[in-house]
Structures are given as structure tokens and as C-alpha cells.
PDB file of all heavy atoms in Angstrom:
ATOM      1  N   VAL A   1      93.023 113.746 121.481  1.00  0.00           N
ATOM      2  CA  VAL A   1      93.456 113.107 120.236  1.00  0.00           C
ATOM      3  C   VAL A   1      93.390 111.596 120.409  1.00  0.00           C
ATOM      4  O   VAL A   1      93.446 111.070 121.528  1.00  0.00           O
ATOM      5  CB  VAL A   1      94.887 113.522 119.830  1.00  0.00           C
ATOM      6  CG1 VAL A   1      94.972 115.002 119.555  1.00  0.00           C
ATOM      7  CG2 VAL A   1      95.900 113.108 120.884  1.00  0.00           C
ATOM      8  N   THR A   2      93.245 110.900 119.285  1.00  0.00           N
ATOM      9  CA  THR A   2      93.254 109.444 119.305  1.00  0.00           C
ATOM     10  C   THR A   2      93.923 108.931 118.041  1.00  0.00           C
ATOM     11  O   THR A   2      94.034 109.659 117.051  1.00  0.00           O
ATOM     12  CB  THR A   2      91.821 108.879 119.424  1.00  0.00           C
ATOM     13  OG1 THR A   2      91.890 107.469 119.693  1.00  0.00           O
ATOM     14  CG2 THR A   2      91.021 109.103 118.149  1.00  0.00           C
ATOM     15  N   HIS A   3      94.357 107.701 118.085  1.00  0.00           N
ATOM     16  CA  HIS A   3      95.071 107.090 116.963  1.00  0.00           C
ATOM     17  C   HIS A   3      94.368 105.804 116.566  1.00  0.00           C
ATOM     18  O   HIS A   3      93.955 105.010 117.425  1.00  0.00           O
ATOM     19  CB  HIS A   3      96.513 106.788 117.384  1.00  0.00           C
ATOM     20  CG  HIS A   3      97.354 106.196 116.301  1.00  0.00           C
ATOM     21  ND1 HIS A   3      98.093 105.031 116.470  1.00  0.00           N
ATOM     22  CD2 HIS A   3      97.583 106.601 115.024  1.00  0.00           C
ATOM     23  CE1 HIS A   3      98.736 104.756 115.349  1.00  0.00           C
ATOM     24  NE2 HIS A   3      98.432 105.674 114.458  1.00  0.00           N
ATOM     25  N   TRP A   4      94.206 105.597 115.250  1.00  0.00           N
ATOM     26  CA  TRP A   4      93.598 104.365 114.731  1.00  0.00           C
ATOM     27  C   TRP A   4      94.701 103.554 114.062  1.00  0.00           C
ATOM     28  O   TRP A   4      94.960 103.691 112.869  1.00  0.00           O
ATOM     29  CB  TRP A   4      92.482 104.703 113.743  1.00  0.00           C
ATOM     30  CG  TRP A   4      91.590 103.542 113.420  1.00  0.00           C
ATOM     31  CD1 TRP A   4      91.376 102.439 114.172  1.00  0.00           C
ATOM     32  CD2 TRP A   4      90.784 103.385 112.251  1.00  0.00           C
ATOM     33  NE1 TRP A   4      90.474 101.597 113.567  1.00  0.00           N
ATOM     34  CE2 TRP A   4      90.098 102.155 112.377  1.00  0.00           C
ATOM     35  CE3 TRP A   4      90.564 104.156 111.105  1.00  0.00           C
ATOM     36  CZ2 TRP A   4      89.217 101.689 111.409  1.00  0.00           C
ATOM     37  CZ3 TRP A   4      89.691 103.688 110.152  1.00  0.00           C
ATOM     38  CH2 TRP A   4      89.021 102.470 110.297  1.00  0.00           C
ATOM     39  N   PRO A   5      95.374 102.679 114.798  1.00  0.00           N
ATOM     40  CA  PRO A   5      96.559 101.991 114.283  1.00  0.00           C
ATOM     41  C   PRO A   5      96.219 100.948 113.223  1.00  0.00           C
ATOM     42  O   PRO A   5      95.162 100.326 113.254  1.00  0.00           O
ATOM     43  CB  PRO A   5      97.160 101.344 115.531  1.00  0.00           C
ATOM     44  CG  PRO A   5      96.012 101.170 116.458  1.00  0.00           C
ATOM     45  CD  PRO A   5      95.085 102.330 116.200  1.00  0.00           C
ATOM     46  N   THR A   6      97.136 100.770 112.305  1.00  0.00           N
ATOM     47  CA  THR A   6      96.945  99.753 111.268  1.00  0.00           C
ATOM     48  C   THR A   6      96.922  98.354 111.866  1.00  0.00           C
ATOM     49  O   THR A   6      96.296  97.447 111.310  1.00  0.00           O
ATOM     50  CB  THR A   6      98.071  99.846 110.223  1.00  0.00           C
ATOM     51  OG1 THR A   6      99.346  99.742 110.890  1.00  0.00           O
ATOM     52  CG2 THR A   6      98.008 101.175 109.476  1.00  0.00           C
ATOM     53  N   SER A   7      97.571  98.175 113.008  1.00  0.00           N
ATOM     54  CA  SER A   7      97.575  96.865 113.657  1.00  0.00           C
ATOM     55  C   SER A   7      96.191  96.456 114.138  1.00  0.00           C
ATOM     56  O   SER A   7      95.933  95.272 114.366  1.00  0.00           O
ATOM     57  CB  SER A   7      98.549  96.868 114.840  1.00  0.00           C
ATOM     58  OG  SER A   7      98.192  97.856 115.781  1.00  0.00           O
ATOM     59  N   ASN A   8      95.302  97.438 114.273  1.00  0.00           N
ATOM     60  CA  ASN A   8      93.917  97.166 114.670  1.00  0.00           C
ATOM     61  C   ASN A   8      92.960  97.293 113.494  1.00  0.00           C
ATOM     62  O   ASN A   8      91.756  97.484 113.682  1.00  0.00           O
ATOM     63  CB  ASN A   8      93.483  98.111 115.786  1.00  0.00           C
ATOM     64  CG  ASN A   8      94.171  97.813 117.102  1.00  0.00           C
ATOM     65  OD1 ASN A   8      94.800  96.762 117.262  1.00  0.00           O
ATOM     66  ND2 ASN A   8      94.068  98.728 118.048  1.00  0.00           N
ATOM     67  N   GLY A   9      93.498  97.247 112.274  1.00  0.00           N
ATOM     68  CA  GLY A   9      92.660  97.371 111.095  1.00  0.00           C
ATOM     69  C   GLY A   9      92.366  98.788 110.685  1.00  0.00           C
ATOM     70  O   GLY A   9      91.518  99.022 109.811  1.00  0.00           O
ATOM     71  N   GLY A  10      93.057  99.749 111.290  1.00  0.00           N
ATOM     72  CA  GLY A  10      92.813 101.151 111.003  1.00  0.00           C
ATOM     73  C   GLY A  10      93.646 101.674 109.856  1.00  0.00           C
ATOM     74  O   GLY A  10      94.363 100.936 109.179  1.00  0.00           O
ATOM     75  N   ASN A  11      93.595 102.991 109.663  1.00  0.00           N
ATOM     76  CA  ASN A  11      94.315 103.634 108.566  1.00  0.00           C
ATOM     77  C   ASN A  11      95.630 104.269 109.011  1.00  0.00           C
ATOM     78  O   ASN A  11      96.323 104.887 108.201  1.00  0.00           O
ATOM     79  CB  ASN A  11      93.427 104.696 107.903  1.00  0.00           C
ATOM     80  CG  ASN A  11      92.892 105.707 108.908  1.00  0.00           C
ATOM     81  OD1 ASN A  11      93.414 105.829 110.019  1.00  0.00           O
ATOM     82  ND2 ASN A  11      91.839 106.424 108.526  1.00  0.00           N
ATOM     83  N   GLY A  12      95.956 104.160 110.292  1.00  0.00           N
ATOM     84  CA  GLY A  12      97.186 104.747 110.810  1.00  0.00           C
ATOM     85  C   GLY A  12      97.093 106.231 111.074  1.00  0.00           C
ATOM     86  O   GLY A  12      98.084 106.850 111.462  1.00  0.00           O
ATOM     87  N   HIS A  13      95.919 106.830 110.909  1.00  0.00           N
ATOM     88  CA  HIS A  13      95.763 108.273 111.091  1.00  0.00           C
ATOM     89  C   HIS A  13      95.454 108.621 112.544  1.00  0.00           C
ATOM     90  O   HIS A  13      95.030 107.775 113.336  1.00  0.00           O
ATOM     91  CB  HIS A  13      94.636 108.800 110.192  1.00  0.00           C
ATOM     92  CG  HIS A  13      94.921 108.666 108.732  1.00  0.00           C
ATOM     93  ND1 HIS A  13      94.037 109.069 107.753  1.00  0.00           N
ATOM     94  CD2 HIS A  13      95.991 108.171 108.065  1.00  0.00           C
ATOM     95  CE1 HIS A  13      94.542 108.825 106.559  1.00  0.00           C
ATOM     96  NE2 HIS A  13      95.737 108.271 106.728  1.00  0.00           N
ATOM     97  N   TRP A  14      95.664 109.908 112.837  1.00  0.00           N
ATOM     98  CA  TRP A  14      95.301 110.472 114.134  1.00  0.00           C
ATOM     99  C   TRP A  14      94.099 111.378 113.943  1.00  0.00           C
ATOM    100  O   TRP A  14      93.899 111.958 112.873  1.00  0.00           O
ATOM    101  CB  TRP A  14      96.470 111.265 114.715  1.00  0.00           C
ATOM    102  CG  TRP A  14      97.625 110.417 115.140  1.00  0.00           C
ATOM    103  CD1 TRP A  14      98.549 109.824 114.334  1.00  0.00           C
ATOM    104  CD2 TRP A  14      97.986 110.064 116.471  1.00  0.00           C
ATOM    105  NE1 TRP A  14      99.459 109.110 115.066  1.00  0.00           N
ATOM    106  CE2 TRP A  14      99.144 109.253 116.389  1.00  0.00           C
ATOM    107  CE3 TRP A  14      97.451 110.359 117.721  1.00  0.00           C
ATOM    108  CZ2 TRP A  14      99.759 108.734 117.523  1.00  0.00           C
ATOM    109  CZ3 TRP A  14      98.073 109.846 118.858  1.00  0.00           C
ATOM    110  CH2 TRP A  14      99.215 109.028 118.753  1.00  0.00           C
ATOM    111  N   TYR A  15      93.295 111.527 115.006  1.00  0.00           N
ATOM    112  CA  TYR A  15      92.110 112.374 114.971  1.00  0.00           C
ATOM    113  C   TYR A  15      92.120 113.296 116.192  1.00  0.00           C
ATOM    114  O   TYR A  15      92.421 112.849 117.307  1.00  0.00           O
ATOM    115  CB  TYR A  15      90.832 111.537 114.982  1.00  0.00           C
ATOM    116  CG  TYR A  15      90.716 110.585 113.811  1.00  0.00           C
ATOM    117  CD1 TYR A  15      91.351 109.337 113.847  1.00  0.00           C
ATOM    118  CD2 TYR A  15      89.989 110.926 112.672  1.00  0.00           C
ATOM    119  CE1 TYR A  15      91.266 108.458 112.778  1.00  0.00           C
ATOM    120  CE2 TYR A  15      89.898 110.051 111.598  1.00  0.00           C
ATOM    121  CZ  TYR A  15      90.536 108.819 111.662  1.00  0.00           C
ATOM    122  OH  TYR A  15      90.452 107.959 110.598  1.00  0.00           O
ATOM    123  N   GLY A  16      91.809 114.560 115.966  1.00  0.00           N
ATOM    124  CA  GLY A  16      91.751 115.523 117.057  1.00  0.00           C
ATOM    125  C   GLY A  16      90.380 116.171 117.125  1.00  0.00           C
ATOM    126  O   GLY A  16      89.842 116.612 116.110  1.00  0.00           O
ATOM    127  N   LEU A  17      89.817 116.233 118.324  1.00  0.00           N
ATOM    128  CA  LEU A  17      88.538 116.891 118.544  1.00  0.00           C
ATOM    129  C   LEU A  17      88.792 118.306 119.054  1.00  0.00           C
ATOM    130  O   LEU A  17      89.484 118.493 120.054  1.00  0.00           O
ATOM    131  CB  LEU A  17      87.698 116.116 119.562  1.00  0.00           C
ATOM    132  CG  LEU A  17      86.380 116.772 119.971  1.00  0.00           C
ATOM    133  CD1 LEU A  17      85.430 116.871 118.789  1.00  0.00           C
ATOM    134  CD2 LEU A  17      85.741 116.001 121.131  1.00  0.00           C
ATOM    135  N   TYR A  18      88.224 119.285 118.353  1.00  0.00           N
ATOM    136  CA  TYR A  18      88.422 120.694 118.692  1.00  0.00           C
ATOM    137  C   TYR A  18      87.106 121.356 119.096  1.00  0.00           C
ATOM    138  O   TYR A  18      86.048 121.039 118.547  1.00  0.00           O
ATOM    139  CB  TYR A  18      88.966 121.465 117.495  1.00  0.00           C
ATOM    140  CG  TYR A  18      90.398 121.174 117.127  1.00  0.00           C
ATOM    141  CD1 TYR A  18      90.740 120.006 116.458  1.00  0.00           C
ATOM    142  CD2 TYR A  18      91.414 122.078 117.436  1.00  0.00           C
ATOM    143  CE1 TYR A  18      92.057 119.746 116.102  1.00  0.00           C
ATOM    144  CE2 TYR A  18      92.727 121.826 117.077  1.00  0.00           C
ATOM    145  CZ  TYR A  18      93.047 120.652 116.415  1.00  0.00           C
ATOM    146  OH  TYR A  18      94.343 120.394 116.060  1.00  0.00           O
ATOM    147  N   VAL A  19      87.221 122.308 120.027  1.00  0.00           N
ATOM    148  CA  VAL A  19      86.132 123.239 120.320  1.00  0.00           C
ATOM    149  C   VAL A  19      86.634 124.634 119.960  1.00  0.00           C
ATOM    150  O   VAL A  19      87.741 125.028 120.354  1.00  0.00           O
ATOM    151  CB  VAL A  19      85.729 123.201 121.803  1.00  0.00           C
ATOM    152  CG1 VAL A  19      84.660 124.248 122.091  1.00  0.00           C
ATOM    153  CG2 VAL A  19      85.232 121.821 122.195  1.00  0.00           C
ATOM    154  N   ASN A  20      85.841 125.388 119.197  1.00  0.00           N
ATOM    155  CA  ASN A  20      86.192 126.765 118.890  1.00  0.00           C
ATOM    156  C   ASN A  20      85.547 127.666 119.935  1.00  0.00           C
ATOM    157  O   ASN A  20      84.338 127.627 120.135  1.00  0.00           O
ATOM    158  CB  ASN A  20      85.694 127.148 117.494  1.00  0.00           C
ATOM    159  CG  ASN A  20      86.253 128.481 117.039  1.00  0.00           C
ATOM    160  OD1 ASN A  20      87.380 128.840 117.381  1.00  0.00           O
ATOM    161  ND2 ASN A  20      85.482 129.220 116.279  1.00  0.00           N
ATOM    162  N   TYR A  21      86.346 128.474 120.608  1.00  0.00           N
ATOM    163  CA  TYR A  21      85.818 129.244 121.719  1.00  0.00           C
ATOM    164  C   TYR A  21      86.481 130.615 121.789  1.00  0.00           C
ATOM    165  O   TYR A  21      87.461 130.904 121.115  1.00  0.00           O
ATOM    166  CB  TYR A  21      86.038 128.500 123.030  1.00  0.00           C
ATOM    167  CG  TYR A  21      87.447 128.597 123.583  1.00  0.00           C
ATOM    168  CD1 TYR A  21      87.709 129.306 124.749  1.00  0.00           C
ATOM    169  CD2 TYR A  21      88.517 127.979 122.942  1.00  0.00           C
ATOM    170  CE1 TYR A  21      88.995 129.395 125.250  1.00  0.00           C
ATOM    171  CE2 TYR A  21      89.807 128.065 123.438  1.00  0.00           C
ATOM    172  CZ  TYR A  21      90.046 128.770 124.599  1.00  0.00           C
ATOM    173  OH  TYR A  21      91.308 128.863 125.092  1.00  0.00           O
ATOM    174  N   ASP A  22      85.913 131.468 122.635  1.00  0.00           N
ATOM    175  CA  ASP A  22      86.420 132.819 122.832  1.00  0.00           C
ATOM    176  C   ASP A  22      86.895 132.933 124.272  1.00  0.00           C
ATOM    177  O   ASP A  22      86.089 133.075 125.186  1.00  0.00           O
ATOM    178  CB  ASP A  22      85.312 133.838 122.547  1.00  0.00           C
ATOM    179  CG  ASP A  22      85.804 135.282 122.628  1.00  0.00           C
ATOM    180  OD1 ASP A  22      86.988 135.482 122.980  1.00  0.00           O
ATOM    181  OD2 ASP A  22      85.014 136.190 122.352  1.00  0.00           O
ATOM    182  N   ASP A  23      88.202 132.870 124.487  1.00  0.00           N
ATOM    183  CA  ASP A  23      88.686 132.900 125.865  1.00  0.00           C
ATOM    184  C   ASP A  23      88.615 134.293 126.468  1.00  0.00           C
ATOM    185  O   ASP A  23      88.731 134.465 127.671  1.00  0.00           O
ATOM    186  CB  ASP A  23      90.095 132.324 125.981  1.00  0.00           C
ATOM    187  CG  ASP A  23      91.150 133.114 125.216  1.00  0.00           C
ATOM    188  OD1 ASP A  23      90.794 134.117 124.569  1.00  0.00           O
ATOM    189  OD2 ASP A  23      92.317 132.719 125.265  1.00  0.00           O
ATOM    190  N   SER A  24      88.393 135.325 125.650  1.00  0.00           N
ATOM    191  CA  SER A  24      88.233 136.666 126.198  1.00  0.00           C
ATOM    192  C   SER A  24      86.890 136.823 126.894  1.00  0.00           C
ATOM    193  O   SER A  24      86.675 137.771 127.634  1.00  0.00           O
ATOM    194  CB  SER A  24      88.348 137.710 125.078  1.00  0.00           C
ATOM    195  OG  SER A  24      87.263 137.590 124.168  1.00  0.00           O
ATOM    196  N   ALA A  25      85.968 135.870 126.648  1.00  0.00           N
ATOM    197  CA  ALA A  25      84.638 135.959 127.247  1.00  0.00           C
ATOM    198  C   ALA A  25      84.585 135.344 128.638  1.00  0.00           C
ATOM    199  O   ALA A  25      83.571 135.423 129.318  1.00  0.00           O
ATOM    200  CB  ALA A  25      83.615 135.269 126.350  1.00  0.00           C
ATOM    201  N   LEU A  26      85.671 134.725 129.070  1.00  0.00           N
ATOM    202  CA  LEU A  26      85.673 134.069 130.374  1.00  0.00           C
ATOM    203  C   LEU A  26      85.684 135.104 131.498  1.00  0.00           C
ATOM    204  O   LEU A  26      86.421 136.080 131.456  1.00  0.00           O
ATOM    205  CB  LEU A  26      86.897 133.173 130.526  1.00  0.00           C
ATOM    206  CG  LEU A  26      86.952 131.931 129.629  1.00  0.00           C
ATOM    207  CD1 LEU A  26      88.273 131.216 129.847  1.00  0.00           C
ATOM    208  CD2 LEU A  26      85.800 131.006 129.910  1.00  0.00           C
ATOM    209  N   SER A  27      84.853 134.867 132.510  1.00  0.00           N
ATOM    210  CA  SER A  27      84.865 135.706 133.705  1.00  0.00           C
ATOM    211  C   SER A  27      85.409 134.883 134.869  1.00  0.00           C
ATOM    212  O   SER A  27      85.472 133.660 134.812  1.00  0.00           O
ATOM    213  CB  SER A  27      83.453 136.182 134.041  1.00  0.00           C
ATOM    214  OG  SER A  27      82.640 135.086 134.419  1.00  0.00           O
ATOM    215  N   VAL A  28      85.801 135.571 135.937  1.00  0.00           N
ATOM    216  CA  VAL A  28      86.316 134.871 137.104  1.00  0.00           C
ATOM    217  C   VAL A  28      85.266 133.911 137.652  1.00  0.00           C
ATOM    218  O   VAL A  28      85.567 132.774 138.005  1.00  0.00           O
ATOM    219  CB  VAL A  28      86.735 135.879 138.189  1.00  0.00           C
ATOM    220  CG1 VAL A  28      87.106 135.145 139.488  1.00  0.00           C
ATOM    221  CG2 VAL A  28      87.908 136.717 137.711  1.00  0.00           C
ATOM    222  N   SER A  29      84.015 134.346 137.695  1.00  0.00           N
ATOM    223  CA  SER A  29      82.961 133.482 138.234  1.00  0.00           C
ATOM    224  C   SER A  29      82.762 132.245 137.361  1.00  0.00           C
ATOM    225  O   SER A  29      82.543 131.146 137.864  1.00  0.00           O
ATOM    226  CB  SER A  29      81.648 134.256 138.338  1.00  0.00           C
ATOM    227  OG  SER A  29      81.222 134.719 137.063  1.00  0.00           O
ATOM    228  N   GLN A  30      82.848 132.422 136.032  1.00  0.00           N
ATOM    229  CA  GLN A  30      82.720 131.273 135.136  1.00  0.00           C
ATOM    230  C   GLN A  30      83.860 130.294 135.363  1.00  0.00           C
ATOM    231  O   GLN A  30      83.651 129.081 135.422  1.00  0.00           O
ATOM    232  CB  GLN A  30      82.723 131.735 133.679  1.00  0.00           C
ATOM    233  CG  GLN A  30      81.407 132.310 133.211  1.00  0.00           C
ATOM    234  CD  GLN A  30      81.527 132.800 131.784  1.00  0.00           C
ATOM    235  OE1 GLN A  30      82.513 133.436 131.425  1.00  0.00           O
ATOM    236  NE2 GLN A  30      80.528 132.502 130.987  1.00  0.00           N
ATOM    237  N   ILE A  31      85.064 130.826 135.472  1.00  0.00           N
ATOM    238  CA  ILE A  31      86.217 129.957 135.673  1.00  0.00           C
ATOM    239  C   ILE A  31      86.073 129.168 136.963  1.00  0.00           C
ATOM    240  O   ILE A  31      86.271 127.949 136.990  1.00  0.00           O
ATOM    241  CB  ILE A  31      87.518 130.790 135.695  1.00  0.00           C
ATOM    242  CG1 ILE A  31      87.788 131.379 134.306  1.00  0.00           C
ATOM    243  CG2 ILE A  31      88.698 129.940 136.156  1.00  0.00           C
ATOM    244  CD1 ILE A  31      88.948 132.333 134.258  1.00  0.00           C
ATOM    245  N   GLU A  32      85.682 129.841 138.056  1.00  0.00           N
ATOM    246  CA  GLU A  32      85.541 129.154 139.325  1.00  0.00           C
ATOM    247  C   GLU A  32      84.428 128.112 139.259  1.00  0.00           C
ATOM    248  O   GLU A  32      84.592 126.981 139.691  1.00  0.00           O
ATOM    249  CB  GLU A  32      85.254 130.174 140.432  1.00  0.00           C
ATOM    250  CG  GLU A  32      86.438 131.075 140.743  1.00  0.00           C
ATOM    251  CD  GLU A  32      86.083 132.133 141.765  1.00  0.00           C
ATOM    252  OE1 GLU A  32      84.880 132.294 142.046  1.00  0.00           O
ATOM    253  OE2 GLU A  32      87.007 132.800 142.269  1.00  0.00           O
ATOM    254  N   GLU A  33      83.288 128.497 138.680  1.00  0.00           N
ATOM    255  CA  GLU A  33      82.146 127.588 138.630  1.00  0.00           C
ATOM    256  C   GLU A  33      82.456 126.351 137.809  1.00  0.00           C
ATOM    257  O   GLU A  33      82.240 125.228 138.263  1.00  0.00           O
ATOM    258  CB  GLU A  33      80.936 128.317 138.033  1.00  0.00           C
ATOM    259  CG  GLU A  33      79.728 127.401 137.836  1.00  0.00           C
ATOM    260  CD  GLU A  33      78.587 128.098 137.117  1.00  0.00           C
ATOM    261  OE1 GLU A  33      78.695 129.321 136.871  1.00  0.00           O
ATOM    262  OE2 GLU A  33      77.609 127.410 136.798  1.00  0.00           O
ATOM    263  N   TYR A  34      82.967 126.562 136.596  1.00  0.00           N
ATOM    264  CA  TYR A  34      83.155 125.430 135.705  1.00  0.00           C
ATOM    265  C   TYR A  34      84.375 124.606 136.078  1.00  0.00           C
ATOM    266  O   TYR A  34      84.371 123.399 135.929  1.00  0.00           O
ATOM    267  CB  TYR A  34      83.240 125.902 134.249  1.00  0.00           C
ATOM    268  CG  TYR A  34      81.888 126.243 133.698  1.00  0.00           C
ATOM    269  CD1 TYR A  34      81.441 127.553 133.650  1.00  0.00           C
ATOM    270  CD2 TYR A  34      81.028 125.255 133.237  1.00  0.00           C
ATOM    271  CE1 TYR A  34      80.183 127.870 133.157  1.00  0.00           C
ATOM    272  CE2 TYR A  34      79.774 125.550 132.750  1.00  0.00           C
ATOM    273  CZ  TYR A  34      79.357 126.855 132.705  1.00  0.00           C
ATOM    274  OH  TYR A  34      78.127 127.161 132.235  1.00  0.00           O
TER     275      TYR A  34
END
């Protein structure tokens, strides 16, 4: 997440970056590797 403060000329809003994923697809080997 990040914040764009009005003190820096921003709108005072927050922004969140999301990834949509399937955690049921994770395998032990994937977890260890990544």
C-alpha cells in the first residue's frame, strides 16, 4: 500500500496493489523454490 498525502500535492488517498491467486494450487516444491 502507499499514500499520496495532500502535503505533497496529492489527493490524500491510499492505493493498494493486489494479486488474485489460488493458494490451493501451491505445492511444497513451489513454496520452497519461490
